[in-house]
Amino acid sequence: MAAWDLEGDFTLDELTVSTLATADALAKLLIKKGIITQEEFIVQLFGDRNKYRGMLQKLRAKAN
């Protein structure tokens, strides 16, 4: 198992890539093991994406 390097500061880009890689790996494992189907994942993903886009728009509106 790979070791995590938790020392030092993380850039936003590094955090983004790490988060995306983690989510991608988890989704692939769940689908591969038959815990969820790819269709279930896609439906959930698009529903959540819309929810988070709405939250982001509200935050941006408050910042302006």
PDB file of N, CA and C in Angstrom:
ATOM      1  N   MET A   1       0.850  -1.179   0.000  1.00  0.00           N
ATOM      2  CA  MET A   1       0.000   0.000   0.000  1.00  0.00           C
ATOM      3  C   MET A   1       0.892   1.237   0.000  1.00  0.00           C
ATOM      4  N   ALA A   2       0.536   2.217  -0.786  1.00  0.00           N
ATOM      5  CA  ALA A   2       1.306   3.460  -0.871  1.00  0.00           C
ATOM      6  C   ALA A   2       1.153   4.265   0.404  1.00  0.00           C
ATOM      7  N   ALA A   3       2.238   4.912   0.793  1.00  0.00           N
ATOM      8  CA  ALA A   3       2.209   5.752   1.990  1.00  0.00           C
ATOM      9  C   ALA A   3       1.724   7.148   1.626  1.00  0.00           C
ATOM     10  N   TRP A   4       1.028   7.758   2.543  1.00  0.00           N
ATOM     11  CA  TRP A   4       0.532   9.120   2.349  1.00  0.00           C
ATOM     12  C   TRP A   4       1.575  10.096   2.864  1.00  0.00           C
ATOM     13  N   ASP A   5       1.905  11.085   2.061  1.00  0.00           N
ATOM     14  CA  ASP A   5       2.812  12.144   2.487  1.00  0.00           C
ATOM     15  C   ASP A   5       1.960  13.299   2.986  1.00  0.00           C
ATOM     16  N   LEU A   6       1.824  13.395   4.299  1.00  0.00           N
ATOM     17  CA  LEU A   6       0.944  14.409   4.878  1.00  0.00           C
ATOM     18  C   LEU A   6       1.696  15.626   5.393  1.00  0.00           C
ATOM     19  N   GLU A   7       2.996  15.683   5.148  1.00  0.00           N
ATOM     20  CA  GLU A   7       3.772  16.821   5.625  1.00  0.00           C
ATOM     21  C   GLU A   7       3.740  17.943   4.597  1.00  0.00           C
ATOM     22  N   GLY A   8       3.778  19.162   5.090  1.00  0.00           N
ATOM     23  CA  GLY A   8       3.801  20.311   4.195  1.00  0.00           C
ATOM     24  C   GLY A   8       2.415  20.775   3.816  1.00  0.00           C
ATOM     25  N   ASP A   9       2.391  21.833   3.039  1.00  0.00           N
ATOM     26  CA  ASP A   9       1.135  22.423   2.589  1.00  0.00           C
ATOM     27  C   ASP A   9       0.714  21.812   1.259  1.00  0.00           C
ATOM     28  N   PHE A  10      -0.579  21.812   1.028  1.00  0.00           N
ATOM     29  CA  PHE A  10      -1.128  21.327  -0.230  1.00  0.00           C
ATOM     30  C   PHE A  10      -1.635  22.516  -1.028  1.00  0.00           C
ATOM     31  N   THR A  11      -1.409  22.483  -2.323  1.00  0.00           N
ATOM     32  CA  THR A  11      -1.996  23.512  -3.177  1.00  0.00           C
ATOM     33  C   THR A  11      -3.432  23.102  -3.491  1.00  0.00           C
ATOM     34  N   LEU A  12      -4.214  24.038  -3.965  1.00  0.00           N
ATOM     35  CA  LEU A  12      -5.586  23.733  -4.351  1.00  0.00           C
ATOM     36  C   LEU A  12      -5.600  22.705  -5.483  1.00  0.00           C
ATOM     37  N   ASP A  13      -4.660  22.807  -6.410  1.00  0.00           N
ATOM     38  CA  ASP A  13      -4.572  21.838  -7.507  1.00  0.00           C
ATOM     39  C   ASP A  13      -4.286  20.434  -6.982  1.00  0.00           C
ATOM     40  N   GLU A  14      -3.354  20.319  -6.040  1.00  0.00           N
ATOM     41  CA  GLU A  14      -3.026  19.013  -5.467  1.00  0.00           C
ATOM     42  C   GLU A  14      -4.219  18.421  -4.723  1.00  0.00           C
ATOM     43  N   LEU A  15      -4.913  19.260  -3.982  1.00  0.00           N
ATOM     44  CA  LEU A  15      -6.089  18.803  -3.254  1.00  0.00           C
ATOM     45  C   LEU A  15      -7.185  18.358  -4.219  1.00  0.00           C
ATOM     46  N   THR A  16      -7.370  19.106  -5.291  1.00  0.00           N
ATOM     47  CA  THR A  16      -8.379  18.759  -6.290  1.00  0.00           C
ATOM     48  C   THR A  16      -8.061  17.422  -6.946  1.00  0.00           C
ATOM     49  N   VAL A  17      -6.818  17.242  -7.374  1.00  0.00           N
ATOM     50  CA  VAL A  17      -6.414  15.993  -8.025  1.00  0.00           C
ATOM     51  C   VAL A  17      -6.556  14.821  -7.059  1.00  0.00           C
ATOM     52  N   SER A  18      -6.137  14.996  -5.826  1.00  0.00           N
ATOM     53  CA  SER A  18      -6.247  13.938  -4.826  1.00  0.00           C
ATOM     54  C   SER A  18      -7.700  13.552  -4.574  1.00  0.00           C
ATOM     55  N   THR A  19      -8.562  14.549  -4.466  1.00  0.00           N
ATOM     56  CA  THR A  19      -9.984  14.295  -4.230  1.00  0.00           C
ATOM     57  C   THR A  19     -10.614  13.574  -5.414  1.00  0.00           C
ATOM     58  N   LEU A  20     -10.298  14.018  -6.622  1.00  0.00           N
ATOM     59  CA  LEU A  20     -10.834  13.369  -7.822  1.00  0.00           C
ATOM     60  C   LEU A  20     -10.342  11.930  -7.948  1.00  0.00           C
ATOM     61  N   ALA A  21      -9.062  11.706  -7.674  1.00  0.00           N
ATOM     62  CA  ALA A  21      -8.503  10.357  -7.765  1.00  0.00           C
ATOM     63  C   ALA A  21      -9.149   9.428  -6.742  1.00  0.00           C
ATOM     64  N   THR A  22      -9.381   9.933  -5.536  1.00  0.00           N
ATOM     65  CA  THR A  22     -10.018   9.135  -4.490  1.00  0.00           C
ATOM     66  C   THR A  22     -11.438   8.766  -4.876  1.00  0.00           C
ATOM     67  N   ALA A  23     -12.201   9.738  -5.338  1.00  0.00           N
ATOM     68  CA  ALA A  23     -13.587   9.485  -5.737  1.00  0.00           C
ATOM     69  C   ALA A  23     -13.644   8.520  -6.918  1.00  0.00           C
ATOM     70  N   ASP A  24     -12.751   8.681  -7.877  1.00  0.00           N
ATOM     71  CA  ASP A  24     -12.711   7.812  -9.048  1.00  0.00           C
ATOM     72  C   ASP A  24     -12.392   6.375  -8.652  1.00  0.00           C
ATOM     73  N   ALA A  25     -11.380   6.201  -7.818  1.00  0.00           N
ATOM     74  CA  ALA A  25     -10.991   4.856  -7.384  1.00  0.00           C
ATOM     75  C   ALA A  25     -12.110   4.186  -6.598  1.00  0.00           C
ATOM     76  N   LEU A  26     -12.749   4.928  -5.716  1.00  0.00           N
ATOM     77  CA  LEU A  26     -13.838   4.375  -4.913  1.00  0.00           C
ATOM     78  C   LEU A  26     -15.009   3.954  -5.790  1.00  0.00           C
ATOM     79  N   ALA A  27     -15.391   4.801  -6.724  1.00  0.00           N
ATOM     80  CA  ALA A  27     -16.500   4.471  -7.625  1.00  0.00           C
ATOM     81  C   ALA A  27     -16.176   3.222  -8.444  1.00  0.00           C
ATOM     82  N   LYS A  28     -14.969   3.143  -8.974  1.00  0.00           N
ATOM     83  CA  LYS A  28     -14.580   1.983  -9.775  1.00  0.00           C
ATOM     84  C   LYS A  28     -14.616   0.699  -8.954  1.00  0.00           C
ATOM     85  N   LEU A  29     -14.138   0.754  -7.709  1.00  0.00           N
ATOM     86  CA  LEU A  29     -14.164  -0.431  -6.850  1.00  0.00           C
ATOM     87  C   LEU A  29     -15.585  -0.866  -6.525  1.00  0.00           C
ATOM     88  N   LEU A  30     -16.446   0.087  -6.207  1.00  0.00           N
ATOM     89  CA  LEU A  30     -17.837  -0.247  -5.890  1.00  0.00           C
ATOM     90  C   LEU A  30     -18.538  -0.887  -7.082  1.00  0.00           C
ATOM     91  N   ILE A  31     -18.276  -0.366  -8.271  1.00  0.00           N
ATOM     92  CA  ILE A  31     -18.878  -0.923  -9.486  1.00  0.00           C
ATOM     93  C   ILE A  31     -18.287  -2.303  -9.785  1.00  0.00           C
ATOM     94  N   LYS A  32     -16.975  -2.429  -9.693  1.00  0.00           N
ATOM     95  CA  LYS A  32     -16.300  -3.697  -9.984  1.00  0.00           C
ATOM     96  C   LYS A  32     -16.776  -4.811  -9.058  1.00  0.00           C
ATOM     97  N   LYS A  33     -17.003  -4.486  -7.789  1.00  0.00           N
ATOM     98  CA  LYS A  33     -17.440  -5.486  -6.815  1.00  0.00           C
ATOM     99  C   LYS A  33     -18.944  -5.739  -6.869  1.00  0.00           C
ATOM    100  N   GLY A  34     -19.647  -5.008  -7.715  1.00  0.00           N
ATOM    101  CA  GLY A  34     -21.076  -5.218  -7.869  1.00  0.00           C
ATOM    102  C   GLY A  34     -21.916  -4.622  -6.758  1.00  0.00           C
ATOM    103  N   ILE A  35     -21.327  -3.731  -5.981  1.00  0.00           N
ATOM    104  CA  ILE A  35     -22.062  -3.090  -4.885  1.00  0.00           C
ATOM    105  C   ILE A  35     -23.047  -2.072  -5.446  1.00  0.00           C
ATOM    106  N   ILE A  36     -22.617  -1.377  -6.481  1.00  0.00           N
ATOM    107  CA  ILE A  36     -23.500  -0.471  -7.220  1.00  0.00           C
ATOM    108  C   ILE A  36     -23.278  -0.726  -8.704  1.00  0.00           C
ATOM    109  N   THR A  37     -24.246  -0.321  -9.512  1.00  0.00           N
ATOM    110  CA  THR A  37     -24.066  -0.426 -10.959  1.00  0.00           C
ATOM    111  C   THR A  37     -23.528   0.900 -11.485  1.00  0.00           C
ATOM    112  N   GLN A  38     -22.978   0.853 -12.679  1.00  0.00           N
ATOM    113  CA  GLN A  38     -22.484   2.089 -13.285  1.00  0.00           C
ATOM    114  C   GLN A  38     -23.640   3.056 -13.516  1.00  0.00           C
ATOM    115  N   GLU A  39     -24.806   2.529 -13.877  1.00  0.00           N
ATOM    116  CA  GLU A  39     -25.972   3.386 -14.091  1.00  0.00           C
ATOM    117  C   GLU A  39     -26.382   4.086 -12.795  1.00  0.00           C
ATOM    118  N   GLU A  40     -26.398   3.354 -11.678  1.00  0.00           N
ATOM    119  CA  GLU A  40     -26.736   3.965 -10.388  1.00  0.00           C
ATOM    120  C   GLU A  40     -25.745   5.072 -10.044  1.00  0.00           C
ATOM    121  N   PHE A  41     -24.467   4.809 -10.310  1.00  0.00           N
ATOM    122  CA  PHE A  41     -23.440   5.805 -10.030  1.00  0.00           C
ATOM    123  C   PHE A  41     -23.651   7.068 -10.858  1.00  0.00           C
ATOM    124  N   ILE A  42     -23.926   6.896 -12.138  1.00  0.00           N
ATOM    125  CA  ILE A  42     -24.106   8.046 -13.027  1.00  0.00           C
ATOM    126  C   ILE A  42     -25.321   8.868 -12.618  1.00  0.00           C
ATOM    127  N   VAL A  43     -26.423   8.201 -12.302  1.00  0.00           N
ATOM    128  CA  VAL A  43     -27.627   8.917 -11.862  1.00  0.00           C
ATOM    129  C   VAL A  43     -27.328   9.724 -10.602  1.00  0.00           C
ATOM    130  N   GLN A  44     -26.655   9.097  -9.644  1.00  0.00           N
ATOM    131  CA  GLN A  44     -26.313   9.788  -8.396  1.00  0.00           C
ATOM    132  C   GLN A  44     -25.349  10.940  -8.655  1.00  0.00           C
ATOM    133  N   LEU A  45     -24.357  10.691  -9.498  1.00  0.00           N
ATOM    134  CA  LEU A  45     -23.354  11.708  -9.814  1.00  0.00           C
ATOM    135  C   LEU A  45     -23.987  12.962 -10.400  1.00  0.00           C
ATOM    136  N   PHE A  46     -24.866  12.789 -11.388  1.00  0.00           N
ATOM    137  CA  PHE A  46     -25.470  13.957 -12.019  1.00  0.00           C
ATOM    138  C   PHE A  46     -26.423  14.680 -11.077  1.00  0.00           C
ATOM    139  N   GLY A  47     -27.127  13.939 -10.236  1.00  0.00           N
ATOM    140  CA  GLY A  47     -27.990  14.576  -9.248  1.00  0.00           C
ATOM    141  C   GLY A  47     -27.189  15.395  -8.255  1.00  0.00           C
ATOM    142  N   ASP A  48     -26.104  14.800  -7.758  1.00  0.00           N
ATOM    143  CA  ASP A  48     -25.259  15.513  -6.801  1.00  0.00           C
ATOM    144  C   ASP A  48     -24.552  16.687  -7.455  1.00  0.00           C
ATOM    145  N   ARG A  49     -24.125  16.511  -8.692  1.00  0.00           N
ATOM    146  CA  ARG A  49     -23.431  17.590  -9.398  1.00  0.00           C
ATOM    147  C   ARG A  49     -24.327  18.822  -9.493  1.00  0.00           C
ATOM    148  N   ASN A  50     -25.581  18.606  -9.831  1.00  0.00           N
ATOM    149  CA  ASN A  50     -26.514  19.733  -9.926  1.00  0.00           C
ATOM    150  C   ASN A  50     -26.718  20.398  -8.575  1.00  0.00           C
ATOM    151  N   LYS A  51     -26.795  19.598  -7.530  1.00  0.00           N
ATOM    152  CA  LYS A  51     -26.959  20.147  -6.181  1.00  0.00           C
ATOM    153  C   LYS A  51     -25.760  21.025  -5.807  1.00  0.00           C
ATOM    154  N   TYR A  52     -24.554  20.520  -6.050  1.00  0.00           N
ATOM    155  CA  TYR A  52     -23.356  21.278  -5.695  1.00  0.00           C
ATOM    156  C   TYR A  52     -23.156  22.500  -6.583  1.00  0.00           C
ATOM    157  N   ARG A  53     -23.557  22.412  -7.835  1.00  0.00           N
ATOM    158  CA  ARG A  53     -23.491  23.601  -8.702  1.00  0.00           C
ATOM    159  C   ARG A  53     -24.388  24.705  -8.155  1.00  0.00           C
ATOM    160  N   GLY A  54     -25.576  24.326  -7.691  1.00  0.00           N
ATOM    161  CA  GLY A  54     -26.479  25.304  -7.089  1.00  0.00           C
ATOM    162  C   GLY A  54     -25.871  25.948  -5.858  1.00  0.00           C
ATOM    163  N   MET A  55     -25.225  25.128  -5.026  1.00  0.00           N
ATOM    164  CA  MET A  55     -24.574  25.663  -3.829  1.00  0.00           C
ATOM    165  C   MET A  55     -23.454  26.624  -4.207  1.00  0.00           C
ATOM    166  N   LEU A  56     -22.674  26.265  -5.223  1.00  0.00           N
ATOM    167  CA  LEU A  56     -21.573  27.110  -5.671  1.00  0.00           C
ATOM    168  C   LEU A  56     -22.080  28.436  -6.225  1.00  0.00           C
ATOM    169  N   GLN A  57     -23.163  28.400  -6.968  1.00  0.00           N
ATOM    170  CA  GLN A  57     -23.740  29.630  -7.507  1.00  0.00           C
ATOM    171  C   GLN A  57     -24.192  30.552  -6.381  1.00  0.00           C
ATOM    172  N   LYS A  58     -24.788  29.998  -5.335  1.00  0.00           N
ATOM    173  CA  LYS A  58     -25.214  30.810  -4.191  1.00  0.00           C
ATOM    174  C   LYS A  58     -24.016  31.442  -3.495  1.00  0.00           C
ATOM    175  N   LEU A  59     -22.936  30.673  -3.341  1.00  0.00           N
ATOM    176  CA  LEU A  59     -21.732  31.216  -2.713  1.00  0.00           C
ATOM    177  C   LEU A  59     -21.122  32.336  -3.547  1.00  0.00           C
ATOM    178  N   ARG A  60     -21.097  32.145  -4.855  1.00  0.00           N
ATOM    179  CA  ARG A  60     -20.545  33.181  -5.737  1.00  0.00           C
ATOM    180  C   ARG A  60     -21.405  34.439  -5.707  1.00  0.00           C
ATOM    181  N   ALA A  61     -22.718  34.268  -5.634  1.00  0.00           N
ATOM    182  CA  ALA A  61     -23.620  35.421  -5.584  1.00  0.00           C
ATOM    183  C   ALA A  61     -23.406  36.211  -4.298  1.00  0.00           C
ATOM    184  N   LYS A  62     -23.186  35.524  -3.199  1.00  0.00           N
ATOM    185  CA  LYS A  62     -22.938  36.202  -1.921  1.00  0.00           C
ATOM    186  C   LYS A  62     -21.610  36.949  -1.944  1.00  0.00           C
ATOM    187  N   ALA A  63     -20.621  36.390  -2.640  1.00  0.00           N
ATOM    188  CA  ALA A  63     -19.295  37.007  -2.699  1.00  0.00           C
ATOM    189  C   ALA A  63     -19.303  38.281  -3.533  1.00  0.00           C
ATOM    190  N   ASN A  64     -20.240  38.388  -4.447  1.00  0.00           N
ATOM    191  CA  ASN A  64     -20.299  39.574  -5.321  1.00  0.00           C
ATOM    192  C   ASN A  64     -21.136  40.596  -4.688  1.00  0.00           C
TER     193      ASN A  64
END
